[in-house]
Structures are given as structure tokens and as C-alpha cells.
């Protein structure tokens, strides 16, 4: 796991990983294992990588063992494990969390203050076709399509509905967004060469 020394809001921690650690499968809960078994091999591998990265980060931030970290992401509509992830520590305390994937690696974030949190990772510069696609989805033509899309998707994840909510409802991008009357602080940071991370945090 690689911790990211980024300038982020206090309480927010971010890390990335390209492969899950040993014993990752044994750490899954019954609900997580059911989702893992239902996925295609490629999606199952990505799911396992994301959950391991999140557990490892939460364990390092909290000082608890990785085996004691419980991750749940029950969808409020169907109960399956594809909702917004949350981390529960052995003492009963909880941290909000978010995951994003780009290329062959996963990025995990946790907030020790348990504010609604969302992250998104993408290429720093989009192609003309990708930028046009972003404009279509957002219903506007932003000055920086990549930054606007990262801000929108991070906000939708912090909201908890993800892309089940129409992205055109997200307003703003630089410094902050608004969705259905709620305001989010948004920061956009360089994660790796050519790759940027957006973090949305409920105000």
C-alpha cells in the first residue's frame, strides 16, 4: 500500500494499491464473499483489491489489526454489497470511506470524522472525445472537463447514490459543489504523473 502525502481536508486519508495482499479473500465478510463469487473474474479481482486497500488503510489510520476491520456497503434499496462503503472499528467507531479505480490500481479514502466522503480518479487530461462526452453527461461545457467530471463523480459518491443520481444535478466544480441543496468541499490533487484525484466532503 502506498499512502498519499497530499494536502487534504483534516481527517481524510488516502492510499493506493495495485495488488491485494496475502489472505485478502479470508478478510471478506459473508456478504462481501457473496458479491465476490457473483462477479466475473475481472470484476471480482477489482472488488477484492478495493476492499483490501480500504481495510489496510483503515487499519493503519486507526492502529487496529486489519483482521478486525469490518467493511460494509449495503445498498439501501436492495441490500447487496454495492452501496457506499463504511468502515467499522472493533471499538464500534465508524469511518466513512470511498473507493475509485484507474487502470490497474485502486485508491481508497477514509474520513476519521465520518463526514460524507467521495473520491474519483481519472487522467489529468481528457481527449476531445472524452471531454465532449463529459459535456453531454453534465449538461454543460466546463472549462476543464476532467476536473469537472472528477468533482461531479466524487460528489455523487459522497451523496451516496452515485450514478443512480443524474449528474446534471451537480453544480460547480472548482473548490466546491452543490447537489440537491447540500454543499460539498472539493479538492483536486495530482495523485501520480498524469493522474489526478478529486475528494468531495460534505460541509
Protein backbone atom coordinates (compact mmCIF):
# COMPACT_ATOMS: atom_id res chain seq x y z
CA UNK A 1 0.00 0.00 0.00
CA UNK A 2 1.18 3.49 -0.82
CA UNK A 3 -0.03 6.32 1.42
CA UNK A 4 -0.54 9.56 -0.47
CA UNK A 5 1.07 12.65 1.15
CA UNK A 6 -1.49 15.03 -0.34
CA UNK A 7 -2.90 18.29 1.00
CA UNK A 8 -6.34 17.06 2.02
CA UNK A 9 -9.01 18.16 4.50
CA UNK A 10 -8.10 17.26 8.08
CA UNK A 11 -9.19 13.72 8.92
CA UNK A 12 -9.11 12.45 5.33
CA UNK A 13 -6.50 9.81 4.43
CA UNK A 14 -5.80 8.29 1.01
CA UNK A 15 -3.81 5.27 -0.18
CA UNK A 16 -3.42 3.22 -3.35
CA UNK A 17 -2.57 -0.36 -4.21
CA UNK A 18 -2.03 -2.40 -7.38
CA UNK A 19 -2.41 -5.91 -5.92
CA UNK A 20 -4.23 -7.24 -2.84
CA UNK A 21 -2.11 -8.60 -0.02
CA UNK A 22 -1.92 -12.21 1.09
CA UNK A 23 -5.03 -13.55 2.80
CA UNK A 24 -7.25 -10.85 1.28
CA UNK A 25 -10.04 -13.28 0.46
CA UNK A 26 -10.24 -14.54 4.05
CA UNK A 27 -10.91 -10.99 5.28
CA UNK A 28 -14.20 -10.65 3.39
CA UNK A 29 -17.48 -10.82 5.28
CA UNK A 30 -20.18 -13.28 4.21
CA UNK A 31 -21.94 -10.53 2.26
CA UNK A 32 -18.72 -9.44 0.58
CA UNK A 33 -17.85 -13.01 -0.33
CA UNK A 34 -21.29 -13.45 -1.90
CA UNK A 35 -20.67 -10.45 -4.14
CA UNK A 36 -17.16 -11.63 -4.95
CA UNK A 37 -18.50 -15.03 -6.03
CA UNK A 38 -21.20 -13.43 -8.20
CA UNK A 39 -18.79 -11.26 -10.19
CA UNK A 40 -16.86 -12.05 -13.35
CA UNK A 41 -13.18 -12.90 -12.68
CA UNK A 42 -12.04 -9.41 -13.72
CA UNK A 43 -14.64 -7.59 -11.60
CA UNK A 44 -14.07 -9.96 -8.67
CA UNK A 45 -10.34 -9.18 -8.72
CA UNK A 46 -11.06 -5.45 -8.73
CA UNK A 47 -13.55 -5.81 -5.89
CA UNK A 48 -11.06 -7.77 -3.78
CA UNK A 49 -8.31 -5.22 -4.46
CA UNK A 50 -10.56 -2.34 -3.43
CA UNK A 51 -11.75 -3.95 -0.21
CA UNK A 52 -8.23 -4.96 0.79
CA UNK A 53 -6.85 -1.48 0.11
CA UNK A 54 -9.63 0.08 2.17
CA UNK A 55 -9.13 -2.32 5.07
CA UNK A 56 -5.37 -1.82 5.06
CA UNK A 57 -5.71 1.97 5.07
CA UNK A 58 -8.30 1.91 7.87
CA UNK A 59 -6.09 -0.40 9.93
CA UNK A 60 -3.06 1.87 9.52
CA UNK A 61 -5.01 5.04 10.32
CA UNK A 62 -6.76 3.56 13.37
CA UNK A 63 -3.92 1.44 14.72
CA UNK A 64 -6.16 -1.65 14.72
CA UNK A 65 -5.38 -5.00 13.09
CA UNK A 66 -6.54 -5.48 9.53
CA UNK A 67 -8.44 -8.60 10.62
CA UNK A 68 -10.59 -6.51 12.98
CA UNK A 69 -11.71 -4.02 10.33
CA UNK A 70 -15.25 -4.55 9.03
CA UNK A 71 -16.31 -3.00 5.73
CA UNK A 72 -19.96 -2.82 4.76
CA UNK A 73 -21.55 -1.31 1.67
CA UNK A 74 -25.16 -2.45 1.76
CA UNK A 75 -27.30 -0.81 -0.91
CA UNK A 76 -30.25 0.95 0.80
CA UNK A 77 -32.58 -0.31 -1.94
CA UNK A 78 -31.63 -3.96 -2.39
CA UNK A 79 -29.24 -4.75 0.47
CA UNK A 80 -26.45 -6.06 -1.78
CA UNK A 81 -22.82 -5.04 -1.32
CA UNK A 82 -22.62 -2.32 -3.96
CA UNK A 83 -23.56 0.76 -1.92
CA UNK A 84 -21.41 3.40 -0.27
CA UNK A 85 -18.67 1.70 1.82
CA UNK A 86 -18.30 2.33 5.53
CA UNK A 87 -15.65 1.11 7.92
CA UNK A 88 -16.38 -0.17 11.42
CA UNK A 89 -13.62 -0.48 14.00
CA UNK A 90 -13.58 -3.09 16.80
CA UNK A 91 -14.49 -0.42 19.38
CA UNK A 92 -17.67 0.36 17.46
CA UNK A 93 -16.45 3.63 15.95
CA UNK A 94 -17.04 4.18 12.24
CA UNK A 95 -15.26 5.95 9.42
CA UNK A 96 -16.81 6.98 6.14
CA UNK A 97 -14.96 5.70 3.09
CA UNK A 98 -14.79 5.78 -0.69
CA UNK A 99 -13.08 3.85 -3.46
CA UNK A 100 -12.03 4.61 -7.02
CA UNK A 101 -10.19 2.63 -9.69
CA UNK A 102 -7.99 3.71 -12.55
CA UNK A 103 -6.01 1.45 -14.82
CA UNK A 104 -4.66 -1.38 -12.71
CA UNK A 105 -4.79 0.22 -9.26
CA UNK A 106 -7.31 1.06 -6.55
CA UNK A 107 -7.46 4.24 -4.48
CA UNK A 108 -9.12 4.20 -1.07
CA UNK A 109 -10.02 7.08 1.22
CA UNK A 110 -11.33 7.23 4.78
CA UNK A 111 -12.52 10.12 6.93
CA UNK A 112 -11.95 9.76 10.66
CA UNK A 113 -14.60 12.44 11.27
CA UNK A 114 -17.25 10.35 9.48
CA UNK A 115 -18.40 13.07 7.09
CA UNK A 116 -19.98 12.02 3.80
CA UNK A 117 -17.00 11.36 1.53
CA UNK A 118 -16.48 10.56 -2.14
CA UNK A 119 -13.43 10.27 -4.38
CA UNK A 120 -12.78 9.90 -8.08
CA UNK A 121 -9.59 9.28 -10.05
CA UNK A 122 -9.03 9.99 -13.73
CA UNK A 123 -6.44 11.04 -16.28
CA UNK A 124 -5.38 14.62 -15.75
CA UNK A 125 -6.13 15.48 -19.40
CA UNK A 126 -9.04 14.08 -21.37
CA UNK A 127 -9.20 13.55 -25.11
CA UNK A 128 -11.53 15.73 -27.18
CA UNK A 129 -13.98 12.84 -27.43
CA UNK A 130 -13.88 12.23 -23.68
CA UNK A 131 -14.34 15.95 -22.96
CA UNK A 132 -17.31 16.04 -25.30
CA UNK A 133 -18.79 13.04 -23.51
CA UNK A 134 -18.41 14.77 -20.16
CA UNK A 135 -20.17 17.87 -21.51
CA UNK A 136 -23.06 15.70 -22.68
CA UNK A 137 -23.40 13.88 -19.36
CA UNK A 138 -23.11 17.03 -17.23
CA UNK A 139 -25.36 19.07 -19.49
CA UNK A 140 -22.83 21.90 -19.71
CA UNK A 141 -19.43 22.62 -21.23
CA UNK A 142 -16.93 23.08 -18.38
CA UNK A 143 -13.60 24.83 -18.89
CA UNK A 144 -11.73 21.76 -17.55
CA UNK A 145 -13.77 18.66 -18.37
CA UNK A 146 -11.57 16.28 -16.40
CA UNK A 147 -11.71 18.34 -13.23
CA UNK A 148 -15.46 18.89 -13.61
CA UNK A 149 -16.14 15.17 -14.08
CA UNK A 150 -13.98 14.16 -11.12
CA UNK A 151 -15.74 16.72 -8.94
CA UNK A 152 -19.17 15.53 -10.09
CA UNK A 153 -18.49 11.83 -9.59
CA UNK A 154 -16.83 12.39 -6.21
CA UNK A 155 -19.87 14.44 -5.16
CA UNK A 156 -22.29 11.76 -6.32
CA UNK A 157 -20.36 9.17 -4.32
CA UNK A 158 -20.39 11.40 -1.22
CA UNK A 159 -24.13 11.78 -1.70
CA UNK A 160 -24.42 8.00 -1.60
CA UNK A 161 -26.41 7.49 -4.80
CA UNK A 162 -23.53 7.53 -7.24
CA UNK A 163 -24.57 7.47 -10.88
CA UNK A 164 -28.11 6.47 -9.88
CA UNK A 165 -28.48 10.25 -9.48
CA UNK A 166 -28.45 12.32 -12.66
CA UNK A 167 -25.03 14.05 -12.83
CA UNK A 168 -26.65 17.20 -14.25
CA UNK A 169 -27.82 17.89 -10.70
CA UNK A 170 -24.23 18.62 -9.59
CA UNK A 171 -23.41 22.32 -9.79
CA UNK A 172 -19.93 23.84 -9.55
CA UNK A 173 -16.56 22.10 -9.55
CA UNK A 174 -13.67 24.36 -8.56
CA UNK A 175 -13.46 24.42 -4.78
CA UNK A 176 -16.97 23.18 -4.12
CA UNK A 177 -20.15 21.63 -5.48
CA UNK A 178 -23.84 21.63 -4.67
CA UNK A 179 -26.29 18.75 -5.07
CA UNK A 180 -29.94 18.82 -4.02
CA UNK A 181 -29.32 21.66 -1.61
CA UNK A 182 -26.25 20.11 0.06
CA UNK A 183 -22.81 21.68 -0.28
CA UNK A 184 -19.54 19.78 -0.67
CA UNK A 185 -15.96 20.90 -0.38
CA UNK A 186 -13.97 19.56 -3.33
CA UNK A 187 -10.19 19.37 -3.67
CA UNK A 188 -8.39 18.16 -6.79
CA UNK A 189 -4.83 16.88 -6.38
CA UNK A 190 -2.14 15.27 -8.52
CA UNK A 191 -2.02 11.60 -7.50
CA UNK A 192 0.58 10.25 -9.93
CA UNK A 193 2.12 11.68 -13.10
CA UNK A 194 -0.78 12.29 -15.47
CA UNK A 195 -3.41 11.17 -12.95
CA UNK A 196 -5.49 13.32 -10.61
CA UNK A 197 -7.72 12.66 -7.61
CA UNK A 198 -10.82 14.57 -6.54
CA UNK A 199 -12.10 14.39 -2.96
CA UNK A 200 -15.61 15.60 -2.12
CA UNK A 201 -16.53 16.13 1.52
CA UNK A 202 -19.90 17.23 2.87
CA UNK A 203 -19.74 20.65 4.54
